[in-house]
């Protein structure tokens, strides 16, 4: 069964650096029966008011996940490529009685895709996360604004069929939490950048 919902999009307003505009997000989820233990797939699409390069930076910077992702106790990178992009990273996730560490192989194509494939986990047969980031243009306040379309795909299969049934009950909540976390991170980073730029301008001494 497929469920389509709409969530808000990040936009711009004169009074705030970022505001939420009309919803254009859609989501599909394959809801599985209790006795099934097949693959589960989540797909989320959203448009965010930030440049493609910034969105890629936030998604690929796994070490910062522990600062803004709920339930992530720690995040780390164990290997990087010659360009400094992560090729192996992991998360330690804690929630109630669960305390699981995931180590993933990462494939980062600059300003385009970030793909994480699980290497070690006791809960899943496999877990795959794929971000596709595409630049888009939006007409705001009479000008052209660089924005990003983000297509997120989650594919996984639990080792225990019971977890499959439980996850289907709470999938909407978990997906919503994840989306909100990345949206809030974009707001935070852009606000920090604006404040830094403002301080630089204030410190400029007139000639």
N, C-alpha and C. Protein backbone atom coordinates (compact mmCIF):
# COMPACT_ATOMS: atom_id res chain seq x y z
N UNK A 1 0.85 -1.19 0.00
CA UNK A 1 0.00 0.00 0.00
C UNK A 1 0.89 1.23 0.00
N UNK A 2 0.61 2.15 -0.86
CA UNK A 2 1.41 3.37 -0.97
C UNK A 2 0.68 4.53 -0.30
N UNK A 3 1.41 5.31 0.45
CA UNK A 3 0.85 6.46 1.15
C UNK A 3 1.55 7.71 0.64
N UNK A 4 0.81 8.65 0.15
CA UNK A 4 1.39 9.90 -0.33
C UNK A 4 1.03 11.02 0.63
N UNK A 5 2.02 11.75 1.11
CA UNK A 5 1.78 12.89 1.98
C UNK A 5 2.62 14.06 1.52
N UNK A 6 2.27 15.22 2.00
CA UNK A 6 3.03 16.43 1.67
C UNK A 6 3.60 17.03 2.93
N UNK A 7 4.86 17.43 2.82
CA UNK A 7 5.52 18.11 3.92
C UNK A 7 6.02 19.46 3.42
N UNK A 8 6.34 20.39 4.35
CA UNK A 8 6.71 21.75 3.94
C UNK A 8 8.07 21.83 3.29
N UNK A 9 8.28 22.89 2.54
CA UNK A 9 9.53 23.16 1.84
C UNK A 9 10.15 24.41 2.42
N UNK A 10 11.46 24.43 2.46
CA UNK A 10 12.15 25.61 2.96
C UNK A 10 12.12 26.70 1.91
N UNK A 11 11.79 27.91 2.31
CA UNK A 11 11.76 29.04 1.39
C UNK A 11 12.45 30.24 1.98
N UNK A 12 12.10 31.42 1.50
CA UNK A 12 12.76 32.64 1.99
C UNK A 12 11.72 33.71 2.22
N UNK A 13 11.90 34.51 3.25
CA UNK A 13 11.04 35.66 3.48
C UNK A 13 11.90 36.80 3.98
N UNK A 14 11.49 38.06 3.77
CA UNK A 14 12.33 39.20 4.19
C UNK A 14 12.57 39.23 5.67
N UNK A 15 11.64 38.77 6.49
CA UNK A 15 11.78 38.87 7.94
C UNK A 15 12.62 37.76 8.54
N UNK A 16 12.79 36.68 7.81
CA UNK A 16 13.59 35.58 8.32
C UNK A 16 14.50 35.07 7.21
N UNK A 17 15.65 34.51 7.63
CA UNK A 17 16.57 33.98 6.62
C UNK A 17 15.93 32.85 5.86
N UNK A 18 15.12 32.03 6.57
CA UNK A 18 14.47 30.90 5.94
C UNK A 18 13.09 30.74 6.52
N UNK A 19 12.10 30.45 5.71
CA UNK A 19 10.77 30.14 6.20
C UNK A 19 10.25 28.95 5.43
N UNK A 20 9.13 28.39 5.89
CA UNK A 20 8.57 27.22 5.24
C UNK A 20 7.48 27.67 4.27
N UNK A 21 7.57 27.23 3.00
CA UNK A 21 6.60 27.60 2.00
C UNK A 21 5.58 26.47 1.81
N UNK A 22 4.88 26.56 0.69
CA UNK A 22 3.84 25.58 0.40
C UNK A 22 4.43 24.19 0.27
N UNK A 23 3.73 23.15 0.73
CA UNK A 23 4.26 21.80 0.71
C UNK A 23 4.38 21.25 -0.70
N UNK A 24 5.53 20.63 -1.02
CA UNK A 24 5.71 19.98 -2.30
C UNK A 24 6.42 18.65 -2.13
N UNK A 25 6.44 18.15 -0.91
CA UNK A 25 7.11 16.88 -0.67
C UNK A 25 6.12 15.74 -0.85
N UNK A 26 6.57 14.66 -1.42
CA UNK A 26 5.73 13.48 -1.48
C UNK A 26 6.51 12.28 -0.98
N UNK A 27 5.81 11.35 -0.40
CA UNK A 27 6.46 10.19 0.20
C UNK A 27 5.68 8.94 -0.14
N UNK A 28 6.39 7.86 -0.39
CA UNK A 28 5.74 6.58 -0.59
C UNK A 28 6.36 5.58 0.37
N UNK A 29 5.53 4.67 0.84
CA UNK A 29 6.02 3.65 1.77
C UNK A 29 5.33 2.34 1.49
N UNK A 30 6.09 1.27 1.39
CA UNK A 30 5.54 -0.05 1.19
C UNK A 30 5.23 -0.64 2.55
N UNK A 31 3.95 -0.83 2.87
CA UNK A 31 3.52 -1.34 4.16
C UNK A 31 3.39 -2.85 4.07
N UNK A 32 4.09 -3.56 4.92
CA UNK A 32 4.17 -5.00 4.83
C UNK A 32 3.29 -5.69 5.85
N UNK A 33 2.75 -6.88 5.56
CA UNK A 33 1.97 -7.62 6.53
C UNK A 33 2.84 -8.15 7.65
N UNK A 34 2.21 -8.53 8.75
CA UNK A 34 2.93 -8.94 9.95
C UNK A 34 3.85 -10.13 9.71
N UNK A 35 3.42 -11.09 8.89
CA UNK A 35 4.21 -12.31 8.73
C UNK A 35 5.19 -12.20 7.57
N UNK A 36 5.40 -10.99 7.05
CA UNK A 36 6.33 -10.82 5.94
C UNK A 36 7.67 -10.32 6.44
N UNK A 37 8.71 -10.71 5.75
CA UNK A 37 10.05 -10.22 6.10
C UNK A 37 10.81 -9.90 4.82
N UNK A 38 10.16 -9.15 3.95
CA UNK A 38 10.77 -8.77 2.69
C UNK A 38 11.36 -7.37 2.81
N UNK A 39 11.90 -6.89 1.70
CA UNK A 39 12.52 -5.58 1.69
C UNK A 39 11.50 -4.48 1.99
N UNK A 40 11.95 -3.48 2.72
CA UNK A 40 11.14 -2.29 2.95
C UNK A 40 11.79 -1.11 2.22
N UNK A 41 10.96 -0.26 1.66
CA UNK A 41 11.45 0.87 0.88
C UNK A 41 10.73 2.15 1.29
N UNK A 42 11.50 3.19 1.59
CA UNK A 42 10.96 4.53 1.83
C UNK A 42 11.54 5.44 0.76
N UNK A 43 10.70 6.32 0.22
CA UNK A 43 11.18 7.33 -0.73
C UNK A 43 10.63 8.69 -0.33
N UNK A 44 11.52 9.66 -0.25
CA UNK A 44 11.13 11.02 0.13
C UNK A 44 11.76 12.01 -0.86
N UNK A 45 10.97 12.98 -1.29
CA UNK A 45 11.47 14.04 -2.16
C UNK A 45 11.13 15.38 -1.54
N UNK A 46 12.07 16.31 -1.56
CA UNK A 46 11.79 17.65 -1.04
C UNK A 46 12.69 18.66 -1.74
N UNK A 47 12.26 19.90 -1.73
CA UNK A 47 13.06 21.00 -2.26
C UNK A 47 13.46 21.89 -1.10
N UNK A 48 14.74 22.15 -0.98
CA UNK A 48 15.29 22.91 0.13
C UNK A 48 15.92 24.19 -0.39
N UNK A 49 15.71 25.28 0.33
CA UNK A 49 16.24 26.58 -0.08
C UNK A 49 17.70 26.72 0.32
N UNK A 50 18.53 25.96 -0.36
CA UNK A 50 19.98 26.11 -0.19
C UNK A 50 20.65 25.58 -1.46
N UNK A 51 21.87 25.99 -1.67
CA UNK A 51 22.58 25.56 -2.86
C UNK A 51 22.88 24.06 -2.81
N UNK A 52 23.03 23.48 -3.99
CA UNK A 52 23.33 22.06 -4.11
C UNK A 52 24.61 21.70 -3.35
N UNK A 53 25.61 22.55 -3.42
CA UNK A 53 26.88 22.27 -2.76
C UNK A 53 26.73 22.22 -1.25
N UNK A 54 25.90 23.10 -0.67
CA UNK A 54 25.69 23.11 0.77
C UNK A 54 24.93 21.86 1.21
N UNK A 55 23.91 21.48 0.46
CA UNK A 55 23.14 20.29 0.82
C UNK A 55 24.03 19.05 0.78
N UNK A 56 24.88 18.96 -0.24
CA UNK A 56 25.80 17.84 -0.33
C UNK A 56 26.76 17.82 0.86
N UNK A 57 27.24 19.00 1.24
CA UNK A 57 28.16 19.11 2.37
C UNK A 57 27.51 18.60 3.66
N UNK A 58 26.26 18.97 3.88
CA UNK A 58 25.55 18.55 5.10
C UNK A 58 25.32 17.04 5.11
N UNK A 59 24.90 16.49 3.98
CA UNK A 59 24.61 15.06 3.91
C UNK A 59 25.88 14.22 4.02
N UNK A 60 26.96 14.65 3.39
CA UNK A 60 28.18 13.85 3.38
C UNK A 60 29.02 14.01 4.65
N UNK A 61 28.73 15.03 5.46
CA UNK A 61 29.51 15.26 6.68
C UNK A 61 28.95 14.41 7.83
N UNK A 62 29.22 13.12 7.76
CA UNK A 62 28.64 12.16 8.71
C UNK A 62 29.07 12.46 10.15
N UNK A 63 30.25 12.97 10.34
CA UNK A 63 30.73 13.23 11.71
C UNK A 63 29.85 14.22 12.46
N UNK A 64 29.11 15.07 11.72
CA UNK A 64 28.25 16.07 12.36
C UNK A 64 26.85 15.52 12.69
N UNK A 65 26.52 14.33 12.25
CA UNK A 65 25.18 13.78 12.48
C UNK A 65 24.83 13.74 13.96
N UNK A 66 25.82 13.48 14.78
CA UNK A 66 25.56 13.39 16.22
C UNK A 66 25.13 14.72 16.82
N UNK A 67 25.34 15.81 16.08
CA UNK A 67 24.95 17.13 16.57
C UNK A 67 23.48 17.46 16.31
N UNK A 68 22.86 16.78 15.35
CA UNK A 68 21.49 17.18 15.00
C UNK A 68 20.53 16.02 14.74
N UNK A 69 21.02 14.80 14.61
CA UNK A 69 20.13 13.68 14.34
C UNK A 69 19.64 13.05 15.64
N UNK A 70 18.33 13.00 15.86
CA UNK A 70 17.80 12.35 17.07
C UNK A 70 18.22 10.88 17.14
N UNK A 71 18.49 10.43 18.35
CA UNK A 71 18.84 9.05 18.66
C UNK A 71 20.26 8.67 18.24
N UNK A 72 20.99 9.57 17.55
CA UNK A 72 22.36 9.27 17.17
C UNK A 72 23.28 9.68 18.31
N UNK A 73 23.82 8.69 19.00
CA UNK A 73 24.70 8.93 20.14
C UNK A 73 26.09 9.37 19.70
N UNK A 74 26.56 8.82 18.60
CA UNK A 74 27.86 9.22 18.07
C UNK A 74 27.91 8.92 16.58
N UNK A 75 28.72 9.67 15.87
CA UNK A 75 28.92 9.46 14.43
C UNK A 75 30.39 9.63 14.12
N UNK A 76 30.90 8.85 13.19
CA UNK A 76 32.34 8.85 12.95
C UNK A 76 32.65 8.43 11.52
N UNK A 77 33.84 8.84 11.06
CA UNK A 77 34.35 8.45 9.75
C UNK A 77 35.66 7.73 9.97
N UNK A 78 35.80 6.55 9.39
CA UNK A 78 37.01 5.75 9.58
C UNK A 78 37.95 5.79 8.37
N UNK A 79 37.40 6.11 7.19
CA UNK A 79 38.24 6.19 6.00
C UNK A 79 37.76 7.32 5.11
N UNK A 80 38.71 7.99 4.43
CA UNK A 80 38.39 9.04 3.47
C UNK A 80 39.15 8.79 2.17
N UNK A 81 38.64 9.36 1.08
CA UNK A 81 39.35 9.25 -0.19
C UNK A 81 40.36 10.38 -0.32
N UNK A 82 41.02 10.45 -1.46
CA UNK A 82 42.08 11.45 -1.66
C UNK A 82 41.55 12.88 -1.65
N UNK A 83 40.23 13.03 -1.86
CA UNK A 83 39.62 14.36 -1.85
C UNK A 83 39.04 14.73 -0.49
N UNK A 84 39.22 13.85 0.50
CA UNK A 84 38.73 14.12 1.84
C UNK A 84 37.29 13.73 2.07
N UNK A 85 36.67 13.06 1.11
CA UNK A 85 35.29 12.61 1.27
C UNK A 85 35.27 11.24 1.95
N UNK A 86 34.27 10.99 2.80
CA UNK A 86 34.24 9.72 3.53
C UNK A 86 33.92 8.54 2.61
N UNK A 87 34.61 7.42 2.84
CA UNK A 87 34.32 6.19 2.11
C UNK A 87 33.88 5.08 3.08
N UNK A 88 34.10 5.31 4.37
CA UNK A 88 33.62 4.37 5.39
C UNK A 88 33.29 5.17 6.65
N UNK A 89 32.09 4.97 7.16
CA UNK A 89 31.64 5.74 8.32
C UNK A 89 30.63 4.93 9.11
N UNK A 90 30.27 5.46 10.28
CA UNK A 90 29.32 4.72 11.11
C UNK A 90 28.55 5.60 12.07
N UNK A 91 27.48 5.03 12.59
CA UNK A 91 26.63 5.69 13.57
C UNK A 91 26.36 4.74 14.73
N UNK A 92 26.31 5.31 15.91
CA UNK A 92 25.81 4.56 17.06
C UNK A 92 24.46 5.13 17.42
N UNK A 93 23.43 4.30 17.32
CA UNK A 93 22.05 4.73 17.52
C UNK A 93 21.51 4.11 18.81
N UNK A 94 20.94 4.95 19.67
CA UNK A 94 20.35 4.46 20.91
C UNK A 94 18.91 4.92 21.05
N UNK A 95 18.02 3.98 21.37
CA UNK A 95 16.62 4.31 21.58
C UNK A 95 16.00 3.23 22.45
N UNK A 96 15.59 3.64 23.66
CA UNK A 96 15.03 2.71 24.65
C UNK A 96 16.00 1.55 24.86
N UNK A 97 15.57 0.29 24.57
CA UNK A 97 16.45 -0.84 24.84
C UNK A 97 17.43 -1.12 23.70
N UNK A 98 17.32 -0.36 22.61
CA UNK A 98 18.19 -0.59 21.46
C UNK A 98 19.45 0.27 21.56
N UNK A 99 20.56 -0.37 21.26
CA UNK A 99 21.85 0.33 21.19
C UNK A 99 22.66 -0.37 20.11
N UNK A 100 22.64 0.21 18.91
CA UNK A 100 23.20 -0.44 17.74
C UNK A 100 24.22 0.46 17.06
N UNK A 101 25.34 -0.13 16.63
CA UNK A 101 26.35 0.60 15.87
C UNK A 101 26.36 0.09 14.44
N UNK A 102 26.25 1.02 13.50
CA UNK A 102 26.23 0.68 12.08
C UNK A 102 27.50 1.20 11.43
N UNK A 103 28.17 0.35 10.67
CA UNK A 103 29.31 0.77 9.88
C UNK A 103 28.93 0.61 8.41
N UNK A 104 29.15 1.67 7.63
CA UNK A 104 28.70 1.68 6.24
C UNK A 104 29.82 2.02 5.28
N UNK A 105 29.71 1.48 4.08
CA UNK A 105 30.55 1.89 2.96
C UNK A 105 29.86 3.07 2.29
N UNK A 106 30.59 4.16 2.08
CA UNK A 106 30.01 5.36 1.48
C UNK A 106 30.57 5.60 0.08
N UNK A 107 29.69 6.01 -0.80
CA UNK A 107 30.08 6.46 -2.14
C UNK A 107 29.55 7.87 -2.31
N UNK A 108 30.48 8.83 -2.38
CA UNK A 108 30.10 10.26 -2.48
C UNK A 108 30.52 10.81 -3.83
N UNK A 109 29.56 11.19 -4.63
CA UNK A 109 29.83 11.88 -5.89
C UNK A 109 29.55 13.36 -5.65
N UNK A 110 30.60 14.20 -5.66
CA UNK A 110 30.47 15.59 -5.25
C UNK A 110 29.27 16.31 -5.86
N UNK A 111 28.49 16.94 -4.95
CA UNK A 111 27.32 17.75 -5.32
C UNK A 111 26.27 16.96 -6.11
N UNK A 112 26.26 15.65 -5.94
CA UNK A 112 25.32 14.84 -6.70
C UNK A 112 24.64 13.76 -5.84
N UNK A 113 25.39 12.75 -5.42
CA UNK A 113 24.81 11.64 -4.67
C UNK A 113 25.69 11.26 -3.48
N UNK A 114 25.02 10.73 -2.45
CA UNK A 114 25.69 10.11 -1.31
C UNK A 114 24.97 8.79 -1.05
N UNK A 115 25.71 7.69 -1.18
CA UNK A 115 25.13 6.36 -1.00
C UNK A 115 25.86 5.65 0.14
N UNK A 116 25.08 5.14 1.10
CA UNK A 116 25.64 4.41 2.25
C UNK A 116 25.08 2.99 2.26
N UNK A 117 25.97 2.01 2.25
CA UNK A 117 25.58 0.60 2.29
C UNK A 117 26.13 -0.02 3.56
N UNK A 118 25.26 -0.64 4.34
CA UNK A 118 25.67 -1.21 5.63
C UNK A 118 26.68 -2.32 5.44
N UNK A 119 27.69 -2.35 6.31
CA UNK A 119 28.71 -3.40 6.31
C UNK A 119 28.56 -4.31 7.52
N UNK A 120 28.22 -3.73 8.67
CA UNK A 120 28.05 -4.52 9.89
C UNK A 120 26.82 -4.03 10.65
N UNK A 121 25.91 -4.93 10.93
CA UNK A 121 24.74 -4.63 11.75
C UNK A 121 24.11 -5.93 12.20
N UNK A 122 23.65 -5.96 13.42
CA UNK A 122 23.01 -7.17 13.96
C UNK A 122 21.51 -7.18 13.72
N UNK A 123 20.91 -6.03 13.37
CA UNK A 123 19.47 -5.94 13.20
C UNK A 123 19.00 -6.19 11.77
N UNK A 124 19.83 -5.83 10.78
CA UNK A 124 19.40 -5.87 9.40
C UNK A 124 20.17 -6.89 8.57
N UNK A 125 19.46 -7.44 7.58
CA UNK A 125 20.15 -8.21 6.54
C UNK A 125 20.99 -7.24 5.71
N UNK A 126 20.41 -6.09 5.43
CA UNK A 126 21.14 -5.01 4.77
C UNK A 126 20.39 -3.71 5.01
N UNK A 127 21.11 -2.60 4.85
CA UNK A 127 20.51 -1.27 4.98
C UNK A 127 21.21 -0.36 3.99
N UNK A 128 20.43 0.29 3.12
CA UNK A 128 21.00 1.18 2.11
C UNK A 128 20.29 2.53 2.15
N UNK A 129 21.09 3.59 2.14
CA UNK A 129 20.57 4.96 2.09
C UNK A 129 21.16 5.65 0.87
N UNK A 130 20.32 6.29 0.10
CA UNK A 130 20.80 7.00 -1.09
C UNK A 130 20.19 8.39 -1.16
N UNK A 131 21.05 9.40 -1.23
CA UNK A 131 20.64 10.79 -1.44
C UNK A 131 20.99 11.18 -2.87
N UNK A 132 20.01 11.75 -3.56
CA UNK A 132 20.24 12.34 -4.88
C UNK A 132 19.91 13.82 -4.78
N UNK A 133 20.89 14.68 -5.07
CA UNK A 133 20.72 16.13 -4.91
C UNK A 133 20.82 16.79 -6.28
N UNK A 134 19.77 17.52 -6.65
CA UNK A 134 19.68 18.14 -7.97
C UNK A 134 19.44 19.64 -7.82
N UNK A 135 20.19 20.47 -8.54
CA UNK A 135 19.96 21.92 -8.43
C UNK A 135 18.68 22.33 -9.14
N UNK A 136 17.96 23.27 -8.54
CA UNK A 136 16.76 23.84 -9.16
C UNK A 136 16.79 25.35 -8.96
N UNK A 137 16.05 26.05 -9.80
CA UNK A 137 15.95 27.50 -9.70
C UNK A 137 14.53 27.87 -9.28
N UNK A 138 14.43 28.86 -8.41
CA UNK A 138 13.12 29.34 -7.96
C UNK A 138 13.10 30.85 -8.04
N UNK A 139 11.98 31.40 -8.52
CA UNK A 139 11.82 32.85 -8.61
C UNK A 139 11.24 33.37 -7.30
N UNK A 140 12.08 34.05 -6.49
CA UNK A 140 11.63 34.61 -5.23
C UNK A 140 12.00 36.09 -5.18
N UNK A 141 11.04 36.92 -4.78
CA UNK A 141 11.25 38.36 -4.62
C UNK A 141 11.81 39.00 -5.89
N UNK A 142 11.36 38.47 -7.04
CA UNK A 142 11.77 39.06 -8.30
C UNK A 142 13.13 38.62 -8.78
N UNK A 143 13.81 37.73 -8.05
CA UNK A 143 15.12 37.26 -8.46
C UNK A 143 15.14 35.75 -8.61
N UNK A 144 16.30 35.21 -8.89
CA UNK A 144 16.46 33.77 -9.06
C UNK A 144 17.25 33.22 -7.87
N UNK A 145 16.70 32.22 -7.21
CA UNK A 145 17.33 31.64 -6.03
C UNK A 145 17.77 30.22 -6.31
N UNK A 146 19.00 29.89 -5.94
CA UNK A 146 19.50 28.53 -6.07
C UNK A 146 18.90 27.66 -4.97
N UNK A 147 18.26 26.57 -5.38
CA UNK A 147 17.66 25.64 -4.43
C UNK A 147 18.09 24.22 -4.79
N UNK A 148 17.73 23.27 -3.96
CA UNK A 148 18.13 21.88 -4.18
C UNK A 148 16.92 20.95 -4.05
N UNK A 149 16.80 20.06 -4.99
CA UNK A 149 15.83 18.98 -4.88
C UNK A 149 16.56 17.77 -4.30
N UNK A 150 16.03 17.25 -3.21
CA UNK A 150 16.65 16.11 -2.53
C UNK A 150 15.74 14.90 -2.62
N UNK A 151 16.24 13.85 -3.23
CA UNK A 151 15.51 12.58 -3.31
C UNK A 151 16.23 11.57 -2.43
N UNK A 152 15.55 11.16 -1.37
CA UNK A 152 16.12 10.23 -0.41
C UNK A 152 15.42 8.88 -0.52
N UNK A 153 16.22 7.82 -0.66
CA UNK A 153 15.69 6.46 -0.72
C UNK A 153 16.32 5.62 0.39
N UNK A 154 15.48 4.95 1.17
CA UNK A 154 15.93 4.03 2.19
C UNK A 154 15.46 2.63 1.82
N UNK A 155 16.37 1.68 1.78
CA UNK A 155 16.03 0.29 1.52
C UNK A 155 16.66 -0.58 2.61
N UNK A 156 15.86 -1.44 3.22
CA UNK A 156 16.41 -2.30 4.27
C UNK A 156 15.57 -3.54 4.46
N UNK A 157 16.17 -4.52 5.12
CA UNK A 157 15.49 -5.76 5.45
C UNK A 157 15.95 -6.21 6.83
N UNK A 158 14.99 -6.40 7.74
CA UNK A 158 15.31 -6.85 9.08
C UNK A 158 15.60 -8.35 9.10
N UNK A 159 16.47 -8.76 10.00
CA UNK A 159 16.71 -10.18 10.21
C UNK A 159 15.55 -10.84 10.95
N UNK A 160 14.90 -10.06 11.82
CA UNK A 160 13.80 -10.57 12.62
C UNK A 160 12.47 -10.08 12.05
N UNK A 161 11.55 -10.98 11.65
CA UNK A 161 10.25 -10.55 11.10
C UNK A 161 9.44 -9.69 12.06
N UNK A 162 9.65 -9.86 13.36
CA UNK A 162 8.93 -9.05 14.33
C UNK A 162 9.27 -7.58 14.18
N UNK A 163 10.54 -7.28 13.93
CA UNK A 163 10.96 -5.90 13.74
C UNK A 163 10.32 -5.31 12.48
N UNK A 164 10.10 -6.14 11.48
CA UNK A 164 9.44 -5.67 10.27
C UNK A 164 8.04 -5.16 10.59
N UNK A 165 7.30 -5.94 11.39
CA UNK A 165 5.95 -5.55 11.76
C UNK A 165 5.95 -4.27 12.59
N UNK A 166 6.88 -4.18 13.54
CA UNK A 166 6.95 -3.01 14.41
C UNK A 166 7.33 -1.76 13.61
N UNK A 167 8.30 -1.90 12.72
CA UNK A 167 8.75 -0.73 11.94
C UNK A 167 7.65 -0.20 11.05
N UNK A 168 6.78 -1.07 10.52
CA UNK A 168 5.70 -0.61 9.66
C UNK A 168 4.69 0.23 10.44
N UNK A 169 4.61 0.03 11.76
CA UNK A 169 3.69 0.79 12.60
C UNK A 169 4.20 2.20 12.87
N UNK A 170 5.54 2.37 12.94
CA UNK A 170 6.13 3.65 13.33
C UNK A 170 6.90 4.33 12.21
N UNK A 171 6.80 3.83 11.00
CA UNK A 171 7.60 4.36 9.89
C UNK A 171 7.35 5.83 9.64
N UNK A 172 6.08 6.26 9.70
CA UNK A 172 5.76 7.66 9.45
C UNK A 172 6.44 8.58 10.45
N UNK A 173 6.43 8.20 11.73
CA UNK A 173 7.05 9.02 12.77
C UNK A 173 8.56 9.12 12.57
N UNK A 174 9.19 7.99 12.29
CA UNK A 174 10.65 7.96 12.14
C UNK A 174 11.07 8.77 10.92
N UNK A 175 10.36 8.59 9.81
CA UNK A 175 10.69 9.34 8.60
C UNK A 175 10.52 10.83 8.81
N UNK A 176 9.44 11.22 9.50
CA UNK A 176 9.21 12.63 9.79
C UNK A 176 10.30 13.23 10.64
N UNK A 177 10.76 12.48 11.64
CA UNK A 177 11.84 12.95 12.51
C UNK A 177 13.11 13.17 11.71
N UNK A 178 13.41 12.26 10.81
CA UNK A 178 14.62 12.36 9.99
C UNK A 178 14.57 13.58 9.08
N UNK A 179 13.41 13.79 8.44
CA UNK A 179 13.26 14.94 7.55
C UNK A 179 13.43 16.25 8.31
N UNK A 180 12.77 16.34 9.45
CA UNK A 180 12.85 17.57 10.25
C UNK A 180 14.27 17.85 10.71
N UNK A 181 15.01 16.80 11.02
CA UNK A 181 16.39 16.98 11.49
C UNK A 181 17.26 17.62 10.41
N UNK A 182 17.15 17.16 9.18
CA UNK A 182 17.96 17.73 8.10
C UNK A 182 17.48 19.13 7.72
N UNK A 183 16.18 19.37 7.76
CA UNK A 183 15.67 20.71 7.50
C UNK A 183 16.19 21.70 8.54
N UNK A 184 16.17 21.30 9.79
CA UNK A 184 16.66 22.16 10.86
C UNK A 184 18.16 22.40 10.73
N UNK A 185 18.89 21.39 10.28
CA UNK A 185 20.33 21.54 10.09
C UNK A 185 20.63 22.58 9.00
N UNK A 186 19.85 22.55 7.93
CA UNK A 186 20.02 23.55 6.87
C UNK A 186 19.79 24.94 7.42
N UNK A 187 18.71 25.11 8.19
CA UNK A 187 18.44 26.42 8.80
C UNK A 187 19.62 26.87 9.65
N UNK A 188 20.11 25.97 10.48
CA UNK A 188 21.19 26.30 11.41
C UNK A 188 22.45 26.72 10.67
N UNK A 189 22.83 25.96 9.66
CA UNK A 189 24.06 26.26 8.91
C UNK A 189 23.93 27.58 8.16
N UNK A 190 22.79 27.82 7.53
CA UNK A 190 22.62 29.06 6.79
C UNK A 190 22.57 30.26 7.71
N UNK A 191 21.99 30.11 8.88
CA UNK A 191 21.97 31.19 9.86
C UNK A 191 23.38 31.51 10.33
N UNK A 192 24.17 30.47 10.59
CA UNK A 192 25.56 30.67 11.01
C UNK A 192 26.35 31.38 9.92
N UNK A 193 26.12 31.01 8.67
CA UNK A 193 26.83 31.65 7.56
C UNK A 193 26.44 33.12 7.45
N UNK A 194 25.16 33.42 7.64
CA UNK A 194 24.70 34.81 7.56
C UNK A 194 25.29 35.64 8.69
N UNK A 195 25.35 35.07 9.90
CA UNK A 195 25.92 35.79 11.04
C UNK A 195 27.41 36.04 10.84
N UNK A 196 28.12 35.06 10.30
CA UNK A 196 29.55 35.22 10.04
C UNK A 196 29.79 36.32 9.02
N UNK A 197 28.97 36.32 7.97
CA UNK A 197 29.12 37.34 6.94
C UNK A 197 28.81 38.72 7.50
N UNK A 198 27.83 38.82 8.37
CA UNK A 198 27.47 40.11 8.97
C UNK A 198 28.60 40.64 9.84
N UNK A 199 29.24 39.75 10.61
CA UNK A 199 30.36 40.17 11.45
C UNK A 199 31.53 40.65 10.62
N UNK A 200 31.77 40.01 9.49
CA UNK A 200 32.86 40.44 8.62
C UNK A 200 32.61 41.84 8.10
N UNK A 201 31.36 42.11 7.72
CA UNK A 201 31.02 43.44 7.20
C UNK A 201 31.15 44.50 8.28
N UNK A 202 30.77 44.16 9.52
CA UNK A 202 30.85 45.12 10.63
C UNK A 202 32.30 45.46 10.97
N UNK A 203 33.19 44.48 10.74
CA UNK A 203 34.60 44.68 11.09
C UNK A 203 35.40 45.36 10.01
N UNK A 204 34.75 45.62 8.86
CA UNK A 204 35.46 46.30 7.78
C UNK A 204 35.63 47.77 8.15
N UNK A 205 36.84 48.25 8.16
CA UNK A 205 37.14 49.65 8.51
C UNK A 205 37.05 50.53 7.28
N UNK A 206 36.20 51.55 7.30
CA UNK A 206 36.09 52.45 6.14
C UNK A 206 37.42 53.12 5.85
N UNK A 207 37.74 53.22 4.59
CA UNK A 207 39.00 53.85 4.20
C UNK A 207 38.84 55.37 4.15
